[in-house]
Amino acid sequence: QVRLVESGGGLVQPGGSLRLSCVASGFTFSVYAMGWYRQNLGKQGERVASISTAGTTDYADSVKGRFTISRDNAKNMVYLQMNSLKPEDTAVYYCIRYSGAGDWWGQGTQVTVSS
């Protein structure tokens, strides 16, 4: 079955960096657009970044210039490089497979930015 497993979250100080990884299985990875979504403790959610099957990327204004999404189809992996982290980046980050039949979310990984 479809599986999306995130890793790489943790506690980091403001200005620091983290790299999130998502390994996918159970489907033909290369034919799906992928992305990252985050939800904070106030239940506010935001699409952070997405990457198409052709490698075209899109970012939320709040992370543009700081975050980079990438994919490695040979490894069924999606990454989110997060630099210059701010306290407002604190959230659970979810790896998502976009589909017209319904998006599939991973279990999420916690990112906490605090001094």
PDB file of N, CA and C in Angstrom:
ATOM      1  N   GLN A   1       0.832  -1.193   0.000  1.00  0.00           N
ATOM      2  CA  GLN A   1       0.000   0.000   0.000  1.00  0.00           C
ATOM      3  C   GLN A   1       0.867   1.244   0.000  1.00  0.00           C
ATOM      4  N   VAL A   2       0.226   2.379  -0.225  1.00  0.00           N
ATOM      5  CA  VAL A   2       0.938   3.645  -0.253  1.00  0.00           C
ATOM      6  C   VAL A   2       1.518   3.939   1.125  1.00  0.00           C
ATOM      7  N   ARG A   3       2.794   4.291   1.138  1.00  0.00           N
ATOM      8  CA  ARG A   3       3.462   4.668   2.372  1.00  0.00           C
ATOM      9  C   ARG A   3       4.332   5.886   2.128  1.00  0.00           C
ATOM     10  N   LEU A   4       4.228   6.858   3.016  1.00  0.00           N
ATOM     11  CA  LEU A   4       5.064   8.041   3.013  1.00  0.00           C
ATOM     12  C   LEU A   4       5.611   8.197   4.423  1.00  0.00           C
ATOM     13  N   VAL A   5       6.919   8.119   4.575  1.00  0.00           N
ATOM     14  CA  VAL A   5       7.534   8.157   5.890  1.00  0.00           C
ATOM     15  C   VAL A   5       8.530   9.293   5.956  1.00  0.00           C
ATOM     16  N   GLU A   6       8.229  10.285   6.799  1.00  0.00           N
ATOM     17  CA  GLU A   6       9.077  11.451   6.960  1.00  0.00           C
ATOM     18  C   GLU A   6      10.120  11.217   8.050  1.00  0.00           C
ATOM     19  N   SER A   7      11.229  11.925   7.929  1.00  0.00           N
ATOM     20  CA  SER A   7      12.258  11.910   8.951  1.00  0.00           C
ATOM     21  C   SER A   7      13.048  13.208   8.868  1.00  0.00           C
ATOM     22  N   GLY A   8      13.844  13.474   9.881  1.00  0.00           N
ATOM     23  CA  GLY A   8      14.720  14.631   9.872  1.00  0.00           C
ATOM     24  C   GLY A   8      14.278  15.782  10.741  1.00  0.00           C
ATOM     25  N   GLY A   9      13.096  15.691  11.323  1.00  0.00           N
ATOM     26  CA  GLY A   9      12.630  16.752  12.196  1.00  0.00           C
ATOM     27  C   GLY A   9      13.392  16.760  13.503  1.00  0.00           C
ATOM     28  N   GLY A  10      13.196  17.825  14.260  1.00  0.00           N
ATOM     29  CA  GLY A  10      13.858  17.943  15.540  1.00  0.00           C
ATOM     30  C   GLY A  10      13.843  19.363  16.045  1.00  0.00           C
ATOM     31  N   LEU A  11      14.662  19.603  17.057  1.00  0.00           N
ATOM     32  CA  LEU A  11      14.776  20.918  17.675  1.00  0.00           C
ATOM     33  C   LEU A  11      15.995  21.640  17.123  1.00  0.00           C
ATOM     34  N   VAL A  12      15.802  22.878  16.707  1.00  0.00           N
ATOM     35  CA  VAL A  12      16.886  23.675  16.161  1.00  0.00           C
ATOM     36  C   VAL A  12      16.714  25.123  16.603  1.00  0.00           C
ATOM     37  N   GLN A  13      17.829  25.828  16.760  1.00  0.00           N
ATOM     38  CA  GLN A  13      17.772  27.234  17.148  1.00  0.00           C
ATOM     39  C   GLN A  13      17.452  28.125  15.953  1.00  0.00           C
ATOM     40  N   PRO A  14      16.868  29.290  16.213  1.00  0.00           N
ATOM     41  CA  PRO A  14      16.613  30.224  15.112  1.00  0.00           C
ATOM     42  C   PRO A  14      17.882  30.486  14.307  1.00  0.00           C
ATOM     43  N   GLY A  15      17.721  30.514  12.995  1.00  0.00           N
ATOM     44  CA  GLY A  15      18.849  30.691  12.105  1.00  0.00           C
ATOM     45  C   GLY A  15      19.493  29.403  11.664  1.00  0.00           C
ATOM     46  N   GLY A  16      19.119  28.303  12.280  1.00  0.00           N
ATOM     47  CA  GLY A  16      19.683  27.012  11.947  1.00  0.00           C
ATOM     48  C   GLY A  16      19.032  26.373  10.740  1.00  0.00           C
ATOM     49  N   SER A  17      19.466  25.146  10.454  1.00  0.00           N
ATOM     50  CA  SER A  17      18.983  24.423   9.284  1.00  0.00           C
ATOM     51  C   SER A  17      18.586  23.000   9.641  1.00  0.00           C
ATOM     52  N   LEU A  18      17.646  22.469   8.891  1.00  0.00           N
ATOM     53  CA  LEU A  18      17.248  21.076   8.970  1.00  0.00           C
ATOM     54  C   LEU A  18      16.938  20.589   7.568  1.00  0.00           C
ATOM     55  N   ARG A  19      17.124  19.303   7.349  1.00  0.00           N
ATOM     56  CA  ARG A  19      16.753  18.684   6.088  1.00  0.00           C
ATOM     57  C   ARG A  19      15.766  17.565   6.360  1.00  0.00           C
ATOM     58  N   LEU A  20      14.554  17.721   5.875  1.00  0.00           N
ATOM     59  CA  LEU A  20      13.538  16.698   6.007  1.00  0.00           C
ATOM     60  C   LEU A  20      13.598  15.746   4.817  1.00  0.00           C
ATOM     61  N   SER A  21      13.347  14.474   5.086  1.00  0.00           N
ATOM     62  CA  SER A  21      13.320  13.467   4.041  1.00  0.00           C
ATOM     63  C   SER A  21      11.994  12.726   4.084  1.00  0.00           C
ATOM     64  N   CYS A  22      11.556  12.265   2.944  1.00  0.00           N
ATOM     65  CA  CYS A  22      10.346  11.467   2.833  1.00  0.00           C
ATOM     66  C   CYS A  22      10.621  10.331   1.865  1.00  0.00           C
ATOM     67  N   VAL A  23      10.465   9.106   2.332  1.00  0.00           N
ATOM     68  CA  VAL A  23      10.626   7.947   1.471  1.00  0.00           C
ATOM     69  C   VAL A  23       9.248   7.402   1.135  1.00  0.00           C
ATOM     70  N   ALA A  24       9.012   7.170  -0.154  1.00  0.00           N
ATOM     71  CA  ALA A  24       7.716   6.726  -0.641  1.00  0.00           C
ATOM     72  C   ALA A  24       7.797   5.291  -1.130  1.00  0.00           C
ATOM     73  N   SER A  25       6.698   4.573  -0.970  1.00  0.00           N
ATOM     74  CA  SER A  25       6.621   3.208  -1.469  1.00  0.00           C
ATOM     75  C   SER A  25       5.167   2.857  -1.747  1.00  0.00           C
ATOM     76  N   GLY A  26       4.962   1.803  -2.519  1.00  0.00           N
ATOM     77  CA  GLY A  26       3.626   1.318  -2.778  1.00  0.00           C
ATOM     78  C   GLY A  26       2.940   1.919  -3.987  1.00  0.00           C
ATOM     79  N   PHE A  27       3.651   2.729  -4.750  1.00  0.00           N
ATOM     80  CA  PHE A  27       3.087   3.337  -5.951  1.00  0.00           C
ATOM     81  C   PHE A  27       4.211   3.765  -6.877  1.00  0.00           C
ATOM     82  N   THR A  28       3.838   4.119  -8.101  1.00  0.00           N
ATOM     83  CA  THR A  28       4.818   4.581  -9.073  1.00  0.00           C
ATOM     84  C   THR A  28       5.142   6.040  -8.772  1.00  0.00           C
ATOM     85  N   PHE A  29       6.210   6.249  -8.061  1.00  0.00           N
ATOM     86  CA  PHE A  29       6.565   7.544  -7.504  1.00  0.00           C
ATOM     87  C   PHE A  29       6.716   8.634  -8.560  1.00  0.00           C
ATOM     88  N   SER A  30       7.346   8.306  -9.668  1.00  0.00           N
ATOM     89  CA  SER A  30       7.727   9.310 -10.656  1.00  0.00           C
ATOM     90  C   SER A  30       6.548   9.988 -11.352  1.00  0.00           C
ATOM     91  N   VAL A  31       5.360   9.415 -11.291  1.00  0.00           N
ATOM     92  CA  VAL A  31       4.209   9.981 -12.000  1.00  0.00           C
ATOM     93  C   VAL A  31       3.331  10.861 -11.110  1.00  0.00           C
ATOM     94  N   TYR A  32       3.756  11.100  -9.878  1.00  0.00           N
ATOM     95  CA  TYR A  32       2.987  11.927  -8.960  1.00  0.00           C
ATOM     96  C   TYR A  32       3.733  13.183  -8.557  1.00  0.00           C
ATOM     97  N   ALA A  33       2.993  14.284  -8.499  1.00  0.00           N
ATOM     98  CA  ALA A  33       3.523  15.485  -7.874  1.00  0.00           C
ATOM     99  C   ALA A  33       3.583  15.265  -6.367  1.00  0.00           C
ATOM    100  N   MET A  34       4.593  15.821  -5.738  1.00  0.00           N
ATOM    101  CA  MET A  34       4.800  15.661  -4.307  1.00  0.00           C
ATOM    102  C   MET A  34       4.935  17.022  -3.642  1.00  0.00           C
ATOM    103  N   GLY A  35       4.787  17.035  -2.336  1.00  0.00           N
ATOM    104  CA  GLY A  35       4.918  18.306  -1.642  1.00  0.00           C
ATOM    105  C   GLY A  35       5.050  18.153  -0.145  1.00  0.00           C
ATOM    106  N   TRP A  36       5.179  19.293   0.503  1.00  0.00           N
ATOM    107  CA  TRP A  36       5.246  19.380   1.962  1.00  0.00           C
ATOM    108  C   TRP A  36       4.208  20.363   2.460  1.00  0.00           C
ATOM    109  N   TYR A  37       3.514  19.986   3.520  1.00  0.00           N
ATOM    110  CA  TYR A  37       2.487  20.797   4.153  1.00  0.00           C
ATOM    111  C   TYR A  37       2.810  20.864   5.640  1.00  0.00           C
ATOM    112  N   ARG A  38       2.533  21.990   6.262  1.00  0.00           N
ATOM    113  CA  ARG A  38       2.796  22.092   7.700  1.00  0.00           C
ATOM    114  C   ARG A  38       1.576  22.604   8.444  1.00  0.00           C
ATOM    115  N   GLN A  39       1.477  22.181   9.698  1.00  0.00           N
ATOM    116  CA  GLN A  39       0.384  22.584  10.564  1.00  0.00           C
ATOM    117  C   GLN A  39       0.948  22.888  11.944  1.00  0.00           C
ATOM    118  N   ASN A  40       0.677  24.101  12.445  1.00  0.00           N
ATOM    119  CA  ASN A  40       1.198  24.477  13.749  1.00  0.00           C
ATOM    120  C   ASN A  40       0.226  24.101  14.859  1.00  0.00           C
ATOM    121  N   LEU A  41       0.589  24.420  16.101  1.00  0.00           N
ATOM    122  CA  LEU A  41      -0.232  24.047  17.247  1.00  0.00           C
ATOM    123  C   LEU A  41      -1.571  24.765  17.254  1.00  0.00           C
ATOM    124  N   GLY A  42      -1.653  25.901  16.594  1.00  0.00           N
ATOM    125  CA  GLY A  42      -2.925  26.599  16.468  1.00  0.00           C
ATOM    126  C   GLY A  42      -3.789  26.043  15.365  1.00  0.00           C
ATOM    127  N   LYS A  43      -3.369  24.946  14.788  1.00  0.00           N
ATOM    128  CA  LYS A  43      -4.091  24.231  13.734  1.00  0.00           C
ATOM    129  C   LYS A  43      -4.130  25.000  12.414  1.00  0.00           C
ATOM    130  N   GLN A  44      -3.285  26.007  12.298  1.00  0.00           N
ATOM    131  CA  GLN A  44      -3.164  26.699  11.029  1.00  0.00           C
ATOM    132  C   GLN A  44      -2.288  25.869  10.099  1.00  0.00           C
ATOM    133  N   GLY A  45      -2.777  25.640   8.897  1.00  0.00           N
ATOM    134  CA  GLY A  45      -2.050  24.835   7.935  1.00  0.00           C
ATOM    135  C   GLY A  45      -1.620  25.649   6.732  1.00  0.00           C
ATOM    136  N   GLU A  46      -0.555  25.206   6.100  1.00  0.00           N
ATOM    137  CA  GLU A  46       0.001  25.921   4.962  1.00  0.00           C
ATOM    138  C   GLU A  46       0.727  24.946   4.059  1.00  0.00           C
ATOM    139  N   ARG A  47       0.472  25.057   2.764  1.00  0.00           N
ATOM    140  CA  ARG A  47       1.254  24.305   1.809  1.00  0.00           C
ATOM    141  C   ARG A  47       2.610  24.977   1.698  1.00  0.00           C
ATOM    142  N   VAL A  48       3.643  24.261   2.070  1.00  0.00           N
ATOM    143  CA  VAL A  48       4.983  24.827   2.140  1.00  0.00           C
ATOM    144  C   VAL A  48       5.649  24.838   0.779  1.00  0.00           C
ATOM    145  N   ALA A  49       5.618  23.700   0.110  1.00  0.00           N
ATOM    146  CA  ALA A  49       6.318  23.561  -1.157  1.00  0.00           C
ATOM    147  C   ALA A  49       5.766  22.379  -1.922  1.00  0.00           C
ATOM    148  N   SER A  50       5.905  22.422  -3.228  1.00  0.00           N
ATOM    149  CA  SER A  50       5.502  21.310  -4.070  1.00  0.00           C
ATOM    150  C   SER A  50       6.481  21.155  -5.213  1.00  0.00           C
ATOM    151  N   ILE A  51       6.503  19.964  -5.778  1.00  0.00           N
ATOM    152  CA  ILE A  51       7.368  19.691  -6.917  1.00  0.00           C
ATOM    153  C   ILE A  51       6.626  18.779  -7.874  1.00  0.00           C
ATOM    154  N   SER A  52       6.595  19.151  -9.128  1.00  0.00           N
ATOM    155  CA  SER A  52       5.864  18.403 -10.135  1.00  0.00           C
ATOM    156  C   SER A  52       6.663  17.203 -10.613  1.00  0.00           C
ATOM    157  N   THR A  53       6.020  16.397 -11.456  1.00  0.00           N
ATOM    158  CA  THR A  53       6.713  15.252 -12.034  1.00  0.00           C
ATOM    159  C   THR A  53       7.878  15.680 -12.912  1.00  0.00           C
ATOM    160  N   ALA A  54       7.803  16.880 -13.453  1.00  0.00           N
ATOM    161  CA  ALA A  54       8.869  17.413 -14.293  1.00  0.00           C
ATOM    162  C   ALA A  54       9.928  18.170 -13.504  1.00  0.00           C
ATOM    163  N   GLY A  55       9.727  18.303 -12.204  1.00  0.00           N
ATOM    164  CA  GLY A  55      10.692  18.988 -11.371  1.00  0.00           C
ATOM    165  C   GLY A  55      10.420  20.457 -11.131  1.00  0.00           C
ATOM    166  N   THR A  56       9.286  20.955 -11.606  1.00  0.00           N
ATOM    167  CA  THR A  56       8.923  22.341 -11.362  1.00  0.00           C
ATOM    168  C   THR A  56       8.529  22.523  -9.899  1.00  0.00           C
ATOM    169  N   THR A  57       9.049  23.553  -9.263  1.00  0.00           N
ATOM    170  CA  THR A  57       8.807  23.770  -7.840  1.00  0.00           C
ATOM    171  C   THR A  57       7.962  25.005  -7.590  1.00  0.00           C
ATOM    172  N   ASP A  58       7.293  24.999  -6.449  1.00  0.00           N
ATOM    173  CA  ASP A  58       6.494  26.127  -6.014  1.00  0.00           C
ATOM    174  C   ASP A  58       6.611  26.227  -4.499  1.00  0.00           C
ATOM    175  N   TYR A  59       6.619  27.457  -3.981  1.00  0.00           N
ATOM    176  CA  TYR A  59       6.813  27.676  -2.553  1.00  0.00           C
ATOM    177  C   TYR A  59       5.827  28.682  -1.999  1.00  0.00           C
ATOM    178  N   ALA A  60       5.485  28.501  -0.736  1.00  0.00           N
ATOM    179  CA  ALA A  60       4.734  29.519  -0.027  1.00  0.00           C
ATOM    180  C   ALA A  60       5.609  30.757   0.135  1.00  0.00           C
ATOM    181  N   ASP A  61       4.983  31.923   0.106  1.00  0.00           N
ATOM    182  CA  ASP A  61       5.742  33.158   0.267  1.00  0.00           C
ATOM    183  C   ASP A  61       6.527  33.183   1.580  1.00  0.00           C
ATOM    184  N   SER A  62       5.994  32.542   2.598  1.00  0.00           N
ATOM    185  CA  SER A  62       6.616  32.555   3.908  1.00  0.00           C
ATOM    186  C   SER A  62       7.950  31.815   3.962  1.00  0.00           C
ATOM    187  N   VAL A  63       8.202  30.936   2.999  1.00  0.00           N
ATOM    188  CA  VAL A  63       9.437  30.152   3.010  1.00  0.00           C
ATOM    189  C   VAL A  63      10.303  30.392   1.790  1.00  0.00           C
ATOM    190  N   LYS A  64       9.823  31.151   0.845  1.00  0.00           N
ATOM    191  CA  LYS A  64      10.552  31.391  -0.396  1.00  0.00           C
ATOM    192  C   LYS A  64      11.919  32.011  -0.111  1.00  0.00           C
ATOM    193  N   GLY A  65      12.927  31.432  -0.713  1.00  0.00           N
ATOM    194  CA  GLY A  65      14.282  31.898  -0.507  1.00  0.00           C
ATOM    195  C   GLY A  65      15.000  31.229   0.639  1.00  0.00           C
ATOM    196  N   ARG A  66      14.263  30.513   1.481  1.00  0.00           N
ATOM    197  CA  ARG A  66      14.855  29.824   2.620  1.00  0.00           C
ATOM    198  C   ARG A  66      14.772  28.307   2.499  1.00  0.00           C
ATOM    199  N   PHE A  67      13.686  27.813   1.903  1.00  0.00           N
ATOM    200  CA  PHE A  67      13.460  26.374   1.779  1.00  0.00           C
ATOM    201  C   PHE A  67      13.649  25.935   0.333  1.00  0.00           C
ATOM    202  N   THR A  68      14.085  24.689   0.150  1.00  0.00           N
ATOM    203  CA  THR A  68      14.231  24.105  -1.170  1.00  0.00           C
ATOM    204  C   THR A  68      13.679  22.690  -1.176  1.00  0.00           C
ATOM    205  N   ILE A  69      12.740  22.425  -2.075  1.00  0.00           N
ATOM    206  CA  ILE A  69      12.207  21.079  -2.235  1.00  0.00           C
ATOM    207  C   ILE A  69      12.910  20.409  -3.413  1.00  0.00           C
ATOM    208  N   SER A  70      13.149  19.119  -3.285  1.00  0.00           N
ATOM    209  CA  SER A  70      13.760  18.363  -4.364  1.00  0.00           C
ATOM    210  C   SER A  70      13.249  16.930  -4.318  1.00  0.00           C
ATOM    211  N   ARG A  71      13.474  16.196  -5.391  1.00  0.00           N
ATOM    212  CA  ARG A  71      13.069  14.805  -5.429  1.00  0.00           C
ATOM    213  C   ARG A  71      14.111  13.979  -6.158  1.00  0.00           C
ATOM    214  N   ASP A  72      14.199  12.722  -5.775  1.00  0.00           N
ATOM    215  CA  ASP A  72      15.089  11.767  -6.403  1.00  0.00           C
ATOM    216  C   ASP A  72      14.231  10.567  -6.778  1.00  0.00           C
ATOM    217  N   ASN A  73      13.822  10.508  -8.025  1.00  0.00           N
ATOM    218  CA  ASN A  73      12.912   9.450  -8.460  1.00  0.00           C
ATOM    219  C   ASN A  73      13.556   8.064  -8.386  1.00  0.00           C
ATOM    220  N   ALA A  74      14.859   7.994  -8.544  1.00  0.00           N
ATOM    221  CA  ALA A  74      15.550   6.713  -8.468  1.00  0.00           C
ATOM    222  C   ALA A  74      15.495   6.123  -7.069  1.00  0.00           C
ATOM    223  N   LYS A  75      15.350   6.990  -6.063  1.00  0.00           N
ATOM    224  CA  LYS A  75      15.302   6.551  -4.674  1.00  0.00           C
ATOM    225  C   LYS A  75      13.917   6.671  -4.054  1.00  0.00           C
ATOM    226  N   ASN A  76      12.936   7.134  -4.818  1.00  0.00           N
ATOM    227  CA  ASN A  76      11.587   7.381  -4.291  1.00  0.00           C
ATOM    228  C   ASN A  76      11.636   8.300  -3.074  1.00  0.00           C
ATOM    229  N   MET A  77      12.413   9.369  -3.193  1.00  0.00           N
ATOM    230  CA  MET A  77      12.617  10.280  -2.072  1.00  0.00           C
ATOM    231  C   MET A  77      12.232  11.711  -2.423  1.00  0.00           C
ATOM    232  N   VAL A  78      11.689  12.408  -1.439  1.00  0.00           N
ATOM    233  CA  VAL A  78      11.433  13.841  -1.503  1.00  0.00           C
ATOM    234  C   VAL A  78      12.144  14.484  -0.328  1.00  0.00           C
ATOM    235  N   TYR A  79      12.724  15.650  -0.569  1.00  0.00           N
ATOM    236  CA  TYR A  79      13.473  16.339   0.475  1.00  0.00           C
ATOM    237  C   TYR A  79      12.971  17.772   0.635  1.00  0.00           C
ATOM    238  N   LEU A  80      13.163  18.300   1.825  1.00  0.00           N
ATOM    239  CA  LEU A  80      12.916  19.710   2.080  1.00  0.00           C
ATOM    240  C   LEU A  80      14.087  20.252   2.879  1.00  0.00           C
ATOM    241  N   GLN A  81      14.927  21.019   2.219  1.00  0.00           N
ATOM    242  CA  GLN A  81      16.040  21.676   2.891  1.00  0.00           C
ATOM    243  C   GLN A  81      15.534  22.991   3.458  1.00  0.00           C
ATOM    244  N   MET A  82      15.664  23.161   4.764  1.00  0.00           N
ATOM    245  CA  MET A  82      15.160  24.337   5.453  1.00  0.00           C
ATOM    246  C   MET A  82      16.330  25.095   6.067  1.00  0.00           C
ATOM    247  N   ASN A  83      16.539  26.308   5.599  1.00  0.00           N
ATOM    248  CA  ASN A  83      17.609  27.153   6.099  1.00  0.00           C
ATOM    249  C   ASN A  83      17.032  28.407   6.745  1.00  0.00           C
ATOM    250  N   SER A  84      17.858  29.092   7.518  1.00  0.00           N
ATOM    251  CA  SER A  84      17.458  30.334   8.181  1.00  0.00           C
ATOM    252  C   SER A  84      16.133  30.176   8.903  1.00  0.00           C
ATOM    253  N   LEU A  85      16.031  29.123   9.680  1.00  0.00           N
ATOM    254  CA  LEU A  85      14.770  28.791  10.334  1.00  0.00           C
ATOM    255  C   LEU A  85      14.358  29.843  11.358  1.00  0.00           C
ATOM    256  N   LYS A  86      13.054  30.060  11.441  1.00  0.00           N
ATOM    257  CA  LYS A  86      12.458  31.025  12.344  1.00  0.00           C
ATOM    258  C   LYS A  86      11.502  30.315  13.296  1.00  0.00           C
ATOM    259  N   PRO A  87      11.234  30.901  14.465  1.00  0.00           N
ATOM    260  CA  PRO A  87      10.283  30.277  15.390  1.00  0.00           C
ATOM    261  C   PRO A  87       8.927  29.998  14.741  1.00  0.00           C
ATOM    262  N   GLU A  88       8.487  30.842  13.837  1.00  0.00           N
ATOM    263  CA  GLU A  88       7.208  30.637  13.185  1.00  0.00           C
ATOM    264  C   GLU A  88       7.200  29.464  12.214  1.00  0.00           C
ATOM    265  N   ASP A  89       8.361  28.866  11.957  1.00  0.00           N
ATOM    266  CA  ASP A  89       8.426  27.651  11.158  1.00  0.00           C
ATOM    267  C   ASP A  89       8.074  26.411  11.977  1.00  0.00           C
ATOM    268  N   THR A  90       7.947  26.568  13.287  1.00  0.00           N
ATOM    269  CA  THR A  90       7.608  25.450  14.157  1.00  0.00           C
ATOM    270  C   THR A  90       6.260  24.859  13.760  1.00  0.00           C
ATOM    271  N   ALA A  91       6.250  23.569  13.467  1.00  0.00           N
ATOM    272  CA  ALA A  91       5.034  22.903  13.007  1.00  0.00           C
ATOM    273  C   ALA A  91       5.321  21.427  12.803  1.00  0.00           C
ATOM    274  N   VAL A  92       4.258  20.675  12.586  1.00  0.00           N
ATOM    275  CA  VAL A  92       4.392  19.314  12.091  1.00  0.00           C
ATOM    276  C   VAL A  92       4.411  19.394  10.575  1.00  0.00           C
ATOM    277  N   TYR A  93       5.408  18.794   9.978  1.00  0.00           N
ATOM    278  CA  TYR A  93       5.574  18.823   8.534  1.00  0.00           C
ATOM    279  C   TYR A  93       5.171  17.477   7.944  1.00  0.00           C
ATOM    280  N   TYR A  94       4.304  17.530   6.949  1.00  0.00           N
ATOM    281  CA  TYR A  94       3.785  16.329   6.313  1.00  0.00           C
ATOM    282  C   TYR A  94       4.243  16.223   4.872  1.00  0.00           C
ATOM    283  N   CYS A  95       4.671  15.055   4.482  1.00  0.00           N
ATOM    284  CA  CYS A  95       4.945  14.734   3.084  1.00  0.00           C
ATOM    285  C   CYS A  95       3.633  14.333   2.430  1.00  0.00           C
ATOM    286  N   ILE A  96       3.372  14.848   1.234  1.00  0.00           N
ATOM    287  CA  ILE A  96       2.094  14.614   0.571  1.00  0.00           C
ATOM    288  C   ILE A  96       2.291  14.130  -0.859  1.00  0.00           C
ATOM    289  N   ARG A  97       1.515  13.131  -1.227  1.00  0.00           N
ATOM    290  CA  ARG A  97       1.376  12.720  -2.621  1.00  0.00           C
ATOM    291  C   ARG A  97       0.086  13.319  -3.149  1.00  0.00           C
ATOM    292  N   TYR A  98       0.187  14.168  -4.154  1.00  0.00           N
ATOM    293  CA  TYR A  98      -0.988  14.801  -4.713  1.00  0.00           C
ATOM    294  C   TYR A  98      -1.638  13.880  -5.734  1.00  0.00           C
ATOM    295  N   SER A  99      -2.966  13.802  -5.663  1.00  0.00           N
ATOM    296  CA  SER A  99      -3.708  12.930  -6.559  1.00  0.00           C
ATOM    297  C   SER A  99      -5.119  13.461  -6.726  1.00  0.00           C
ATOM    298  N   GLY A 100      -5.636  13.369  -7.948  1.00  0.00           N
ATOM    299  CA  GLY A 100      -7.012  13.766  -8.193  1.00  0.00           C
ATOM    300  C   GLY A 100      -8.008  12.893  -7.459  1.00  0.00           C
ATOM    301  N   ALA A 101      -7.585  11.688  -7.104  1.00  0.00           N
ATOM    302  CA  ALA A 101      -8.440  10.757  -6.384  1.00  0.00           C
ATOM    303  C   ALA A 101      -8.379  10.957  -4.878  1.00  0.00           C
ATOM    304  N   GLY A 102      -7.563  11.897  -4.434  1.00  0.00           N
ATOM    305  CA  GLY A 102      -7.399  12.149  -3.012  1.00  0.00           C
ATOM    306  C   GLY A 102      -5.945  12.145  -2.615  1.00  0.00           C
ATOM    307  N   ASP A 103      -5.521  13.208  -1.958  1.00  0.00           N
ATOM    308  CA  ASP A 103      -4.130  13.301  -1.547  1.00  0.00           C
ATOM    309  C   ASP A 103      -3.813  12.332  -0.420  1.00  0.00           C
ATOM    310  N   TRP A 104      -2.570  11.876  -0.387  1.00  0.00           N
ATOM    311  CA  TRP A 104      -2.109  10.963   0.640  1.00  0.00           C
ATOM    312  C   TRP A 104      -1.057  11.650   1.490  1.00  0.00           C
ATOM    313  N   TRP A 105      -1.265  11.656   2.788  1.00  0.00           N
ATOM    314  CA  TRP A 105      -0.350  12.297   3.733  1.00  0.00           C
ATOM    315  C   TRP A 105       0.476  11.275   4.474  1.00  0.00           C
ATOM    316  N   GLY A 106       1.702  11.628   4.780  1.00  0.00           N
ATOM    317  CA  GLY A 106       2.518  10.838   5.673  1.00  0.00           C
ATOM    318  C   GLY A 106       2.111  11.090   7.110  1.00  0.00           C
ATOM    319  N   GLN A 107       2.847  10.520   8.033  1.00  0.00           N
ATOM    320  CA  GLN A 107       2.504  10.639   9.451  1.00  0.00           C
ATOM    321  C   GLN A 107       2.968  11.955  10.062  1.00  0.00           C
ATOM    322  N   GLY A 108       3.885  12.629   9.414  1.00  0.00           N
ATOM    323  CA  GLY A 108       4.374  13.909   9.879  1.00  0.00           C
ATOM    324  C   GLY A 108       5.622  13.800  10.725  1.00  0.00           C
ATOM    325  N   THR A 109       6.399  14.869  10.728  1.00  0.00           N
ATOM    326  CA  THR A 109       7.581  14.965  11.577  1.00  0.00           C
ATOM    327  C   THR A 109       7.622  16.356  12.199  1.00  0.00           C
ATOM    328  N   GLN A 110       7.917  16.410  13.484  1.00  0.00           N
ATOM    329  CA  GLN A 110       7.879  17.664  14.229  1.00  0.00           C
ATOM    330  C   GLN A 110       9.151  18.471  14.012  1.00  0.00           C
ATOM    331  N   VAL A 111       8.979  19.738  13.700  1.00  0.00           N
ATOM    332  CA  VAL A 111      10.077  20.687  13.622  1.00  0.00           C
ATOM    333  C   VAL A 111       9.821  21.782  14.649  1.00  0.00           C
ATOM    334  N   THR A 112      10.769  21.975  15.550  1.00  0.00           N
ATOM    335  CA  THR A 112      10.650  23.001  16.575  1.00  0.00           C
ATOM    336  C   THR A 112      11.837  23.941  16.475  1.00  0.00           C
ATOM    337  N   VAL A 113      11.555  25.218  16.291  1.00  0.00           N
ATOM    338  CA  VAL A 113      12.587  26.240  16.184  1.00  0.00           C
ATOM    339  C   VAL A 113      12.463  27.126  17.419  1.00  0.00           C
ATOM    340  N   SER A 114      13.436  27.035  18.300  1.00  0.00           N
ATOM    341  CA  SER A 114      13.360  27.748  19.566  1.00  0.00           C
ATOM    342  C   SER A 114      14.747  27.952  20.144  1.00  0.00           C
ATOM    343  N   SER A 115      14.918  29.065  20.838  1.00  0.00           N
ATOM    344  CA  SER A 115      16.152  29.340  21.539  1.00  0.00           C
ATOM    345  C   SER A 115      16.055  28.936  23.000  1.00  0.00           C
TER     346      SER A 115
END
